[in-house]
Amino acid sequence: MSDVKVGFEKAVKTAKLGLPEDEQDRLYQQLGALLNWLEPLLAVDTTGVEPILLGHNSVNVLREDFAHKGVMAELQEAAPEFDQGFYMVPPIIE
């Protein structure tokens, strides 16, 4: 058995994926196909090529963040429901 296959099986076991044997084999084949597809891309010499951080020429404008004391009445008006100094939010999981 190859070192790659052994490493894959260790990773599956460590991640506790609980995959049946046939699913592990299929995943191993799919990952192998992905690596084969990536191999020519990873072989390209990118020495001296500046990494692209954004796909456009915009600049991220950041403002300084600072805390300030709000007026409780204004804070309560901004919230749909406010109770005893807490924002009340509807549950998202029942």
PDB file of N, CA and C in Angstrom:
ATOM      1  N   MET A   1       0.856  -1.176   0.000  1.00  0.00           N
ATOM      2  CA  MET A   1       0.000   0.000   0.000  1.00  0.00           C
ATOM      3  C   MET A   1       0.901   1.238   0.000  1.00  0.00           C
ATOM      4  N   SER A   2       0.552   2.232  -0.796  1.00  0.00           N
ATOM      5  CA  SER A   2       1.404   3.420  -0.923  1.00  0.00           C
ATOM      6  C   SER A   2       1.319   4.300   0.318  1.00  0.00           C
ATOM      7  N   ASP A   3       2.356   5.118   0.495  1.00  0.00           N
ATOM      8  CA  ASP A   3       2.383   6.058   1.623  1.00  0.00           C
ATOM      9  C   ASP A   3       1.226   7.051   1.543  1.00  0.00           C
ATOM     10  N   VAL A   4       0.865   7.419   0.314  1.00  0.00           N
ATOM     11  CA  VAL A   4      -0.241   8.367   0.129  1.00  0.00           C
ATOM     12  C   VAL A   4      -1.547   7.754   0.615  1.00  0.00           C
ATOM     13  N   LYS A   5      -1.776   6.503   0.262  1.00  0.00           N
ATOM     14  CA  LYS A   5      -3.007   5.809   0.674  1.00  0.00           C
ATOM     15  C   LYS A   5      -3.041   5.671   2.196  1.00  0.00           C
ATOM     16  N   VAL A   6      -1.900   5.334   2.799  1.00  0.00           N
ATOM     17  CA  VAL A   6      -1.830   5.195   4.255  1.00  0.00           C
ATOM     18  C   VAL A   6      -2.128   6.555   4.914  1.00  0.00           C
ATOM     19  N   GLY A   7      -1.538   7.624   4.366  1.00  0.00           N
ATOM     20  CA  GLY A   7      -1.790   8.961   4.899  1.00  0.00           C
ATOM     21  C   GLY A   7      -3.241   9.359   4.785  1.00  0.00           C
ATOM     22  N   PHE A   8      -3.852   9.009   3.648  1.00  0.00           N
ATOM     23  CA  PHE A   8      -5.272   9.297   3.445  1.00  0.00           C
ATOM     24  C   PHE A   8      -6.120   8.571   4.486  1.00  0.00           C
ATOM     25  N   GLU A   9      -5.841   7.292   4.697  1.00  0.00           N
ATOM     26  CA  GLU A   9      -6.614   6.514   5.662  1.00  0.00           C
ATOM     27  C   GLU A   9      -6.437   7.061   7.082  1.00  0.00           C
ATOM     28  N   LYS A  10      -5.226   7.509   7.418  1.00  0.00           N
ATOM     29  CA  LYS A  10      -5.010   8.121   8.731  1.00  0.00           C
ATOM     30  C   LYS A  10      -5.824   9.405   8.875  1.00  0.00           C
ATOM     31  N   ALA A  11      -5.850  10.201   7.799  1.00  0.00           N
ATOM     32  CA  ALA A  11      -6.601  11.457   7.836  1.00  0.00           C
ATOM     33  C   ALA A  11      -8.089  11.196   8.014  1.00  0.00           C
ATOM     34  N   VAL A  12      -8.616  10.194   7.311  1.00  0.00           N
ATOM     35  CA  VAL A  12     -10.039   9.847   7.435  1.00  0.00           C
ATOM     36  C   VAL A  12     -10.342   9.383   8.856  1.00  0.00           C
ATOM     37  N   LYS A  13      -9.444   8.578   9.406  1.00  0.00           N
ATOM     38  CA  LYS A  13      -9.645   8.073  10.770  1.00  0.00           C
ATOM     39  C   LYS A  13      -9.544   9.209  11.787  1.00  0.00           C
ATOM     40  N   THR A  14      -8.544  10.084  11.625  1.00  0.00           N
ATOM     41  CA  THR A  14      -8.346  11.198  12.553  1.00  0.00           C
ATOM     42  C   THR A  14      -9.531  12.158  12.525  1.00  0.00           C
ATOM     43  N   ALA A  15     -10.069  12.394  11.323  1.00  0.00           N
ATOM     44  CA  ALA A  15     -11.209  13.302  11.181  1.00  0.00           C
ATOM     45  C   ALA A  15     -12.509  12.661  11.657  1.00  0.00           C
ATOM     46  N   LYS A  16     -12.463  11.379  11.945  1.00  0.00           N
ATOM     47  CA  LYS A  16     -13.631  10.637  12.424  1.00  0.00           C
ATOM     48  C   LYS A  16     -14.823  10.822  11.481  1.00  0.00           C
ATOM     49  N   LEU A  17     -14.548  10.667  10.187  1.00  0.00           N
ATOM     50  CA  LEU A  17     -15.596  10.841   9.189  1.00  0.00           C
ATOM     51  C   LEU A  17     -16.610   9.702   9.191  1.00  0.00           C
ATOM     52  N   GLY A  18     -16.201   8.531   9.633  1.00  0.00           N
ATOM     53  CA  GLY A  18     -17.117   7.399   9.696  1.00  0.00           C
ATOM     54  C   GLY A  18     -17.596   6.955   8.325  1.00  0.00           C
ATOM     55  N   LEU A  19     -16.710   7.034   7.336  1.00  0.00           N
ATOM     56  CA  LEU A  19     -17.098   6.629   5.984  1.00  0.00           C
ATOM     57  C   LEU A  19     -16.960   5.128   5.815  1.00  0.00           C
ATOM     58  N   PRO A  20     -17.932   4.491   5.159  1.00  0.00           N
ATOM     59  CA  PRO A  20     -17.784   3.073   4.841  1.00  0.00           C
ATOM     60  C   PRO A  20     -16.611   2.885   3.877  1.00  0.00           C
ATOM     61  N   GLU A  21     -16.106   1.669   3.794  1.00  0.00           N
ATOM     62  CA  GLU A  21     -14.926   1.361   2.970  1.00  0.00           C
ATOM     63  C   GLU A  21     -15.104   1.798   1.520  1.00  0.00           C
ATOM     64  N   ASP A  22     -16.283   1.528   0.937  1.00  0.00           N
ATOM     65  CA  ASP A  22     -16.489   1.891  -0.473  1.00  0.00           C
ATOM     66  C   ASP A  22     -16.504   3.412  -0.666  1.00  0.00           C
ATOM     67  N   GLU A  23     -17.025   4.148   0.313  1.00  0.00           N
ATOM     68  CA  GLU A  23     -17.014   5.614   0.237  1.00  0.00           C
ATOM     69  C   GLU A  23     -15.591   6.147   0.369  1.00  0.00           C
ATOM     70  N   GLN A  24     -14.790   5.529   1.224  1.00  0.00           N
ATOM     71  CA  GLN A  24     -13.397   5.940   1.376  1.00  0.00           C
ATOM     72  C   GLN A  24     -12.648   5.745   0.060  1.00  0.00           C
ATOM     73  N   ASP A  25     -12.876   4.613  -0.583  1.00  0.00           N
ATOM     74  CA  ASP A  25     -12.214   4.351  -1.856  1.00  0.00           C
ATOM     75  C   ASP A  25     -12.629   5.381  -2.906  1.00  0.00           C
ATOM     76  N   ARG A  26     -13.907   5.686  -2.954  1.00  0.00           N
ATOM     77  CA  ARG A  26     -14.395   6.674  -3.928  1.00  0.00           C
ATOM     78  C   ARG A  26     -13.802   8.055  -3.647  1.00  0.00           C
ATOM     79  N   LEU A  27     -13.754   8.450  -2.363  1.00  0.00           N
ATOM     80  CA  LEU A  27     -13.181   9.738  -1.995  1.00  0.00           C
ATOM     81  C   LEU A  27     -11.697   9.783  -2.348  1.00  0.00           C
ATOM     82  N   TYR A  28     -10.984   8.698  -2.098  1.00  0.00           N
ATOM     83  CA  TYR A  28      -9.563   8.621  -2.424  1.00  0.00           C
ATOM     84  C   TYR A  28      -9.354   8.800  -3.927  1.00  0.00           C
ATOM     85  N   GLN A  29     -10.173   8.171  -4.734  1.00  0.00           N
ATOM     86  CA  GLN A  29     -10.077   8.299  -6.195  1.00  0.00           C
ATOM     87  C   GLN A  29     -10.390   9.725  -6.638  1.00  0.00           C
ATOM     88  N   GLN A  30     -11.406  10.340  -6.032  1.00  0.00           N
ATOM     89  CA  GLN A  30     -11.772  11.704  -6.400  1.00  0.00           C
ATOM     90  C   GLN A  30     -10.670  12.693  -6.027  1.00  0.00           C
ATOM     91  N   LEU A  31     -10.070  12.503  -4.852  1.00  0.00           N
ATOM     92  CA  LEU A  31      -8.975  13.378  -4.442  1.00  0.00           C
ATOM     93  C   LEU A  31      -7.766  13.187  -5.354  1.00  0.00           C
ATOM     94  N   GLY A  32      -7.525  11.946  -5.758  1.00  0.00           N
ATOM     95  CA  GLY A  32      -6.438  11.675  -6.700  1.00  0.00           C
ATOM     96  C   GLY A  32      -6.673  12.374  -8.030  1.00  0.00           C
ATOM     97  N   ALA A  33      -7.913  12.346  -8.520  1.00  0.00           N
ATOM     98  CA  ALA A  33      -8.241  13.020  -9.774  1.00  0.00           C
ATOM     99  C   ALA A  33      -8.049  14.538  -9.632  1.00  0.00           C
ATOM    100  N   LEU A  34      -8.417  15.086  -8.479  1.00  0.00           N
ATOM    101  CA  LEU A  34      -8.227  16.515  -8.237  1.00  0.00           C
ATOM    102  C   LEU A  34      -6.746  16.863  -8.235  1.00  0.00           C
ATOM    103  N   LEU A  35      -5.938  16.052  -7.561  1.00  0.00           N
ATOM    104  CA  LEU A  35      -4.500  16.307  -7.523  1.00  0.00           C
ATOM    105  C   LEU A  35      -3.884  16.192  -8.916  1.00  0.00           C
ATOM    106  N   ASN A  36      -4.345  15.242  -9.712  1.00  0.00           N
ATOM    107  CA  ASN A  36      -3.858  15.120 -11.091  1.00  0.00           C
ATOM    108  C   ASN A  36      -4.210  16.353 -11.904  1.00  0.00           C
ATOM    109  N   TRP A  37      -5.380  16.909 -11.671  1.00  0.00           N
ATOM    110  CA  TRP A  37      -5.813  18.112 -12.371  1.00  0.00           C
ATOM    111  C   TRP A  37      -4.981  19.317 -11.933  1.00  0.00           C
ATOM    112  N   LEU A  38      -4.652  19.368 -10.632  1.00  0.00           N
ATOM    113  CA  LEU A  38      -3.892  20.496 -10.096  1.00  0.00           C
ATOM    114  C   LEU A  38      -2.407  20.443 -10.432  1.00  0.00           C
ATOM    115  N   GLU A  39      -1.888  19.257 -10.684  1.00  0.00           N
ATOM    116  CA  GLU A  39      -0.449  19.083 -10.871  1.00  0.00           C
ATOM    117  C   GLU A  39       0.160  20.039 -11.898  1.00  0.00           C
ATOM    118  N   PRO A  40      -0.419  20.195 -13.097  1.00  0.00           N
ATOM    119  CA  PRO A  40       0.177  21.136 -14.053  1.00  0.00           C
ATOM    120  C   PRO A  40       0.106  22.592 -13.568  1.00  0.00           C
ATOM    121  N   LEU A  41      -0.946  22.921 -12.839  1.00  0.00           N
ATOM    122  CA  LEU A  41      -1.063  24.292 -12.334  1.00  0.00           C
ATOM    123  C   LEU A  41      -0.002  24.575 -11.278  1.00  0.00           C
ATOM    124  N   LEU A  42       0.245  23.599 -10.414  1.00  0.00           N
ATOM    125  CA  LEU A  42       1.236  23.782  -9.362  1.00  0.00           C
ATOM    126  C   LEU A  42       2.658  23.771  -9.902  1.00  0.00           C
ATOM    127  N   ALA A  43       2.861  23.232 -11.101  1.00  0.00           N
ATOM    128  CA  ALA A  43       4.188  23.166 -11.701  1.00  0.00           C
ATOM    129  C   ALA A  43       4.601  24.482 -12.363  1.00  0.00           C
ATOM    130  N   VAL A  44       3.674  25.398 -12.549  1.00  0.00           N
ATOM    131  CA  VAL A  44       3.976  26.676 -13.206  1.00  0.00           C
ATOM    132  C   VAL A  44       4.895  27.506 -12.315  1.00  0.00           C
ATOM    133  N   ASP A  45       5.963  28.024 -12.917  1.00  0.00           N
ATOM    134  CA  ASP A  45       6.910  28.856 -12.181  1.00  0.00           C
ATOM    135  C   ASP A  45       6.320  30.256 -12.019  1.00  0.00           C
ATOM    136  N   THR A  46       6.038  30.626 -10.786  1.00  0.00           N
ATOM    137  CA  THR A  46       5.452  31.946 -10.508  1.00  0.00           C
ATOM    138  C   THR A  46       6.445  32.867  -9.819  1.00  0.00           C
ATOM    139  N   THR A  47       7.723  32.569  -9.936  1.00  0.00           N
ATOM    140  CA  THR A  47       8.753  33.398  -9.340  1.00  0.00           C
ATOM    141  C   THR A  47       8.657  34.813  -9.913  1.00  0.00           C
ATOM    142  N   GLY A  48       8.598  35.787  -9.032  1.00  0.00           N
ATOM    143  CA  GLY A  48       8.545  37.180  -9.459  1.00  0.00           C
ATOM    144  C   GLY A  48       7.150  37.678  -9.809  1.00  0.00           C
ATOM    145  N   VAL A  49       6.158  36.824  -9.745  1.00  0.00           N
ATOM    146  CA  VAL A  49       4.792  37.238 -10.039  1.00  0.00           C
ATOM    147  C   VAL A  49       4.136  37.671  -8.741  1.00  0.00           C
ATOM    148  N   GLU A  50       3.642  38.897  -8.734  1.00  0.00           N
ATOM    149  CA  GLU A  50       3.004  39.424  -7.528  1.00  0.00           C
ATOM    150  C   GLU A  50       1.646  38.760  -7.332  1.00  0.00           C
ATOM    151  N   PRO A  51       1.356  38.286  -6.126  1.00  0.00           N
ATOM    152  CA  PRO A  51       0.048  37.656  -5.882  1.00  0.00           C
ATOM    153  C   PRO A  51      -1.083  38.657  -6.047  1.00  0.00           C
ATOM    154  N   ILE A  52      -2.200  38.181  -6.544  1.00  0.00           N
ATOM    155  CA  ILE A  52      -3.385  39.023  -6.696  1.00  0.00           C
ATOM    156  C   ILE A  52      -4.248  38.831  -5.456  1.00  0.00           C
ATOM    157  N   LEU A  53      -4.445  39.901  -4.723  1.00  0.00           N
ATOM    158  CA  LEU A  53      -5.262  39.817  -3.525  1.00  0.00           C
ATOM    159  C   LEU A  53      -6.726  40.075  -3.833  1.00  0.00           C
ATOM    160  N   LEU A  54      -6.981  40.950  -4.792  1.00  0.00           N
ATOM    161  CA  LEU A  54      -8.348  41.270  -5.192  1.00  0.00           C
ATOM    162  C   LEU A  54      -8.445  41.183  -6.705  1.00  0.00           C
ATOM    163  N   GLY A  55      -9.591  40.837  -7.200  1.00  0.00           N
ATOM    164  CA  GLY A  55      -9.792  40.758  -8.637  1.00  0.00           C
ATOM    165  C   GLY A  55     -10.121  42.092  -9.270  1.00  0.00           C
ATOM    166  N   HIS A  56     -10.024  43.147  -8.510  1.00  0.00           N
ATOM    167  CA  HIS A  56     -10.325  44.488  -9.022  1.00  0.00           C
ATOM    168  C   HIS A  56      -9.377  45.486  -8.357  1.00  0.00           C
ATOM    169  N   ASN A  57      -9.386  46.704  -8.820  1.00  0.00           N
ATOM    170  CA  ASN A  57      -8.435  47.706  -8.345  1.00  0.00           C
ATOM    171  C   ASN A  57      -8.973  48.568  -7.214  1.00  0.00           C
ATOM    172  N   SER A  58      -9.971  48.129  -6.519  1.00  0.00           N
ATOM    173  CA  SER A  58     -10.527  48.939  -5.439  1.00  0.00           C
ATOM    174  C   SER A  58      -9.617  48.882  -4.210  1.00  0.00           C
ATOM    175  N   VAL A  59      -9.771  49.852  -3.358  1.00  0.00           N
ATOM    176  CA  VAL A  59      -8.981  49.935  -2.139  1.00  0.00           C
ATOM    177  C   VAL A  59      -9.929  49.771  -0.964  1.00  0.00           C
ATOM    178  N   ASN A  60      -9.544  48.954  -0.009  1.00  0.00           N
ATOM    179  CA  ASN A  60     -10.360  48.747   1.180  1.00  0.00           C
ATOM    180  C   ASN A  60     -10.138  49.918   2.125  1.00  0.00           C
ATOM    181  N   VAL A  61     -11.172  50.711   2.322  1.00  0.00           N
ATOM    182  CA  VAL A  61     -11.068  51.875   3.186  1.00  0.00           C
ATOM    183  C   VAL A  61     -11.541  51.485   4.578  1.00  0.00           C
ATOM    184  N   LEU A  62     -10.648  51.582   5.523  1.00  0.00           N
ATOM    185  CA  LEU A  62     -10.988  51.224   6.892  1.00  0.00           C
ATOM    186  C   LEU A  62     -11.083  52.491   7.731  1.00  0.00           C
ATOM    187  N   ARG A  63     -12.054  52.509   8.583  1.00  0.00           N
ATOM    188  CA  ARG A  63     -12.162  53.633   9.508  1.00  0.00           C
ATOM    189  C   ARG A  63     -11.693  53.154  10.876  1.00  0.00           C
ATOM    190  N   GLU A  64     -11.256  54.083  11.670  1.00  0.00           N
ATOM    191  CA  GLU A  64     -10.837  53.715  13.012  1.00  0.00           C
ATOM    192  C   GLU A  64     -12.074  53.349  13.824  1.00  0.00           C
ATOM    193  N   ASP A  65     -11.980  52.267  14.539  1.00  0.00           N
ATOM    194  CA  ASP A  65     -13.088  51.794  15.345  1.00  0.00           C
ATOM    195  C   ASP A  65     -12.886  52.257  16.786  1.00  0.00           C
ATOM    196  N   PHE A  66     -13.908  52.847  17.354  1.00  0.00           N
ATOM    197  CA  PHE A  66     -13.796  53.286  18.736  1.00  0.00           C
ATOM    198  C   PHE A  66     -15.148  53.103  19.421  1.00  0.00           C
ATOM    199  N   ALA A  67     -15.094  52.853  20.696  1.00  0.00           N
ATOM    200  CA  ALA A  67     -16.312  52.660  21.483  1.00  0.00           C
ATOM    201  C   ALA A  67     -16.798  54.000  22.004  1.00  0.00           C
ATOM    202  N   HIS A  68     -18.092  54.159  22.011  1.00  0.00           N
ATOM    203  CA  HIS A  68     -18.657  55.359  22.628  1.00  0.00           C
ATOM    204  C   HIS A  68     -19.962  54.980  23.316  1.00  0.00           C
ATOM    205  N   LYS A  69     -20.275  55.715  24.321  1.00  0.00           N
ATOM    206  CA  LYS A  69     -21.467  55.417  25.108  1.00  0.00           C
ATOM    207  C   LYS A  69     -22.706  55.918  24.352  1.00  0.00           C
ATOM    208  N   GLY A  70     -23.669  55.023  24.206  1.00  0.00           N
ATOM    209  CA  GLY A  70     -24.899  55.390  23.524  1.00  0.00           C
ATOM    210  C   GLY A  70     -25.962  55.822  24.517  1.00  0.00           C
ATOM    211  N   VAL A  71     -27.009  56.404  23.982  1.00  0.00           N
ATOM    212  CA  VAL A  71     -28.147  56.807  24.800  1.00  0.00           C
ATOM    213  C   VAL A  71     -29.130  55.638  24.801  1.00  0.00           C
ATOM    214  N   MET A  72     -29.482  55.144  25.984  1.00  0.00           N
ATOM    215  CA  MET A  72     -30.299  53.937  26.109  1.00  0.00           C
ATOM    216  C   MET A  72     -31.604  54.049  25.333  1.00  0.00           C
ATOM    217  N   ALA A  73     -32.242  55.201  25.355  1.00  0.00           N
ATOM    218  CA  ALA A  73     -33.516  55.361  24.642  1.00  0.00           C
ATOM    219  C   ALA A  73     -33.317  55.169  23.135  1.00  0.00           C
ATOM    220  N   GLU A  74     -32.213  55.686  22.592  1.00  0.00           N
ATOM    221  CA  GLU A  74     -31.944  55.525  21.161  1.00  0.00           C
ATOM    222  C   GLU A  74     -31.632  54.066  20.825  1.00  0.00           C
ATOM    223  N   LEU A  75     -30.907  53.409  21.716  1.00  0.00           N
ATOM    224  CA  LEU A  75     -30.597  51.996  21.498  1.00  0.00           C
ATOM    225  C   LEU A  75     -31.872  51.152  21.506  1.00  0.00           C
ATOM    226  N   GLN A  76     -32.783  51.462  22.398  1.00  0.00           N
ATOM    227  CA  GLN A  76     -34.038  50.714  22.478  1.00  0.00           C
ATOM    228  C   GLN A  76     -34.889  50.940  21.239  1.00  0.00           C
ATOM    229  N   GLU A  77     -34.863  52.150  20.703  1.00  0.00           N
ATOM    230  CA  GLU A  77     -35.638  52.439  19.494  1.00  0.00           C
ATOM    231  C   GLU A  77     -35.101  51.665  18.286  1.00  0.00           C
ATOM    232  N   ALA A  78     -33.801  51.436  18.254  1.00  0.00           N
ATOM    233  CA  ALA A  78     -33.190  50.750  17.118  1.00  0.00           C
ATOM    234  C   ALA A  78     -33.470  49.250  17.125  1.00  0.00           C
ATOM    235  N   ALA A  79     -33.869  48.712  18.263  1.00  0.00           N
ATOM    236  CA  ALA A  79     -34.097  47.273  18.375  1.00  0.00           C
ATOM    237  C   ALA A  79     -35.570  46.944  18.224  1.00  0.00           C
ATOM    238  N   PRO A  80     -35.887  45.834  17.540  1.00  0.00           N
ATOM    239  CA  PRO A  80     -37.279  45.428  17.443  1.00  0.00           C
ATOM    240  C   PRO A  80     -37.870  45.113  18.817  1.00  0.00           C
ATOM    241  N   GLU A  81     -37.025  44.504  19.690  1.00  0.00           N
ATOM    242  CA  GLU A  81     -37.502  44.185  21.036  1.00  0.00           C
ATOM    243  C   GLU A  81     -36.326  44.331  21.996  1.00  0.00           C
ATOM    244  N   PHE A  82     -36.566  45.004  23.100  1.00  0.00           N
ATOM    245  CA  PHE A  82     -35.524  45.321  24.069  1.00  0.00           C
ATOM    246  C   PHE A  82     -36.107  45.073  25.443  1.00  0.00           C
ATOM    247  N   ASP A  83     -35.412  44.289  26.306  1.00  0.00           N
ATOM    248  CA  ASP A  83     -35.960  43.964  27.613  1.00  0.00           C
ATOM    249  C   ASP A  83     -34.855  43.995  28.658  1.00  0.00           C
ATOM    250  N   GLN A  84     -34.998  44.806  29.667  1.00  0.00           N
ATOM    251  CA  GLN A  84     -34.076  44.907  30.795  1.00  0.00           C
ATOM    252  C   GLN A  84     -32.618  45.101  30.340  1.00  0.00           C
ATOM    253  N   GLY A  85     -32.433  45.955  29.344  1.00  0.00           N
ATOM    254  CA  GLY A  85     -31.093  46.265  28.867  1.00  0.00           C
ATOM    255  C   GLY A  85     -30.525  45.282  27.866  1.00  0.00           C
ATOM    256  N   PHE A  86     -31.321  44.321  27.392  1.00  0.00           N
ATOM    257  CA  PHE A  86     -30.840  43.316  26.439  1.00  0.00           C
ATOM    258  C   PHE A  86     -31.643  43.373  25.150  1.00  0.00           C
ATOM    259  N   TYR A  87     -30.960  43.184  24.035  1.00  0.00           N
ATOM    260  CA  TYR A  87     -31.651  43.028  22.757  1.00  0.00           C
ATOM    261  C   TYR A  87     -32.269  41.636  22.731  1.00  0.00           C
ATOM    262  N   MET A  88     -33.508  41.545  22.374  1.00  0.00           N
ATOM    263  CA  MET A  88     -34.195  40.261  22.291  1.00  0.00           C
ATOM    264  C   MET A  88     -34.246  39.870  20.812  1.00  0.00           C
ATOM    265  N   VAL A  89     -33.715  38.710  20.498  1.00  0.00           N
ATOM    266  CA  VAL A  89     -33.701  38.237  19.118  1.00  0.00           C
ATOM    267  C   VAL A  89     -34.506  36.950  19.032  1.00  0.00           C
ATOM    268  N   PRO A  90     -35.183  36.752  17.905  1.00  0.00           N
ATOM    269  CA  PRO A  90     -35.954  35.525  17.766  1.00  0.00           C
ATOM    270  C   PRO A  90     -35.038  34.318  17.619  1.00  0.00           C
ATOM    271  N   PRO A  91     -35.469  33.147  18.114  1.00  0.00           N
ATOM    272  CA  PRO A  91     -34.635  31.954  17.978  1.00  0.00           C
ATOM    273  C   PRO A  91     -34.519  31.560  16.501  1.00  0.00           C
ATOM    274  N   ILE A  92     -33.350  31.050  16.127  1.00  0.00           N
ATOM    275  CA  ILE A  92     -33.177  30.583  14.757  1.00  0.00           C
ATOM    276  C   ILE A  92     -33.255  29.066  14.663  1.00  0.00           C
ATOM    277  N   ILE A  93     -33.150  28.393  15.810  1.00  0.00           N
ATOM    278  CA  ILE A  93     -33.262  26.939  15.847  1.00  0.00           C
ATOM    279  C   ILE A  93     -34.343  26.584  16.877  1.00  0.00           C
ATOM    280  N   GLU A  94     -35.243  25.762  16.461  1.00  0.00           N
ATOM    281  CA  GLU A  94     -36.307  25.379  17.384  1.00  0.00           C
ATOM    282  C   GLU A  94     -36.014  24.033  18.005  1.00  0.00           C
TER     283      GLU A  94
END
